[in-house]
Amino acid sequence: WYTRLLHKQRTQEENLMSGTLESLSGLGEDGSSVGSDSEVNGMSVRRIDKYGFLGGNQYSETGEKEVRVEVARQREVKWLDMFCNWDKWIKHRFQKVKLRCRKGIPSSLRAKAWQLLSNSQELLDANPGKFEELEREPGEAKWLDIIEKDLHRQFPFHEMFAARGGHGQQDLFRILKAYTIYRPDEGYCQAQAPVAAVLLMHMPAEQAFWCLVQICEKYLPGYYSAGLEAIQLDGEIFFSLLRRTCPMAYRHLKKFKIDPILYMTEWFMCIFSRTLPWASVLRVWDMFFCEGVKIVFRVGLVLLKQILGSVDKLRELQGMYETMERLRNISPDAIREEILVQEIIILPVTESLIERECNVQVRKWRESRGELTHQPARRLHGTRAIFDYKRRAASISSGGSFSFLGSSIPAPGPLRASSKTLTQKIELKVCRNSSGAIEYVNMKSNYST
């Protein structure tokens, strides 16, 4: 039944995408002139929204909550100050960083913020020319064929990806191909495409590639590997957390034998980029890069609470089919940006709770299915965990000892009289337009001991 449902939805999507591309056929090679036209080939076309969408479910009439210009400038200045002293902010004032991410990162600085939060900026600096080297490799034919077929399915209503063979699709191909060469043991997973596409909407291909690497290796390790064990395990963790946070939704899904894997796979693997209105997607990603996978769990739990958390809502869902239809077509009323963000923030699901439940589910998995091929312990919970991991590695490589979160951690081997400290120097170049708004931030960072 579920296979038929997926096939039906895929057919509908293909028809919708085909119609979109046909409507763009007279607009030039990159389709960029849509938005100023009210009619194309006899078909009415809405103006491009502030995020670049031409239509579809994620088209926004108004967009993010409007902020006064002076407030927006103040936020930009605060973020630029954090960029210049990033390691100090993460080490000493992380709670303030987290609060600012929860408020929403300024659109003009979101790309650099995501790169710093994920530590992909350091990967980029440490691997000059690596992305171009990966591009020059021929790649494995089976992956290239699948990637090529997937390109037109990624945000077909977005101006960057609407035109077949356009710059957006070309860059997306470059990133996904490079990853299959960078991690040949993992290859390509179709859920990586929308994640890479979201990154490309905000940053150049090389930066997007290293950001994707961090998501795949630090935030969601194992999600895109063959067998999908990691997402299945997180499905069991998610269902157990649902029993704690919303028993009514848990009992309803249990009653109709709706396994988590049937509805949360796309949510988690695509980080809700294909599920939520775009303003909400960006707010979720801001928090996700800062706080890690707990945000993904919280968003899923909040959605189920909104959809299945009351008797009135459950009266309309008398079976498996109706419930699945509702989960796959979530009403915008259930996911208004400010309400959603507030519910995510207050939901009492912490990293430690997720890890405790993970240990329980791993034990059950081993008892019923045998050993896991991936290691759940590889997951790092957001910026602070990545930063601490980096400092541990720096301490071990220096051979000394240093203070780590208030305690002294000796490095393996003989102690030395002094230890080395890794210092980061960041140079910023900020370009503004005629109205004073930030259009581009160029950042270089150098490391020394």
Foldseek 3Di string as FASTA:
>chain_A
DLVVVVVVVVVVLVVVLVVLLVQQVPPDQLSVPAQVDQAGPNHGWHHQDPLQFGDDPQGDPDFDDDDDPVVLVVLVVVVVVCVQVVLCCLQPPLVVLLVSLLVPRRLQCLLVLLCQFLVLQVVCVVDPPLLVVLLPDPADPVLLVVLLVLQCSASCRGSLRVHVPHPLSVLLSSLLRSVCVVCVQARHASLLSNLLSVSVSRDGSSSSNSSSVSCCQAQQDQCRHPPRPSVLLVQQLLLVVLCVQAVQLSVVCVVQVPGSCSQCSSCQSNVCSVPAHPSQSSSLSSNCQAFGDLSSSLLVSLQSCLQRRDPVNCVQPPHDVSVSVCSRHPDNVSCDRVVSSVSSVPPPDHPVSSVVSSVVSQVVCCVPPNHDPDDPVSYAGIRSRVSLVVVLVQQQVQQEWDARPNRIDHHPDDHDPDTDDKDKGKDWDFDADPVGDTNDIDIDIDIDD
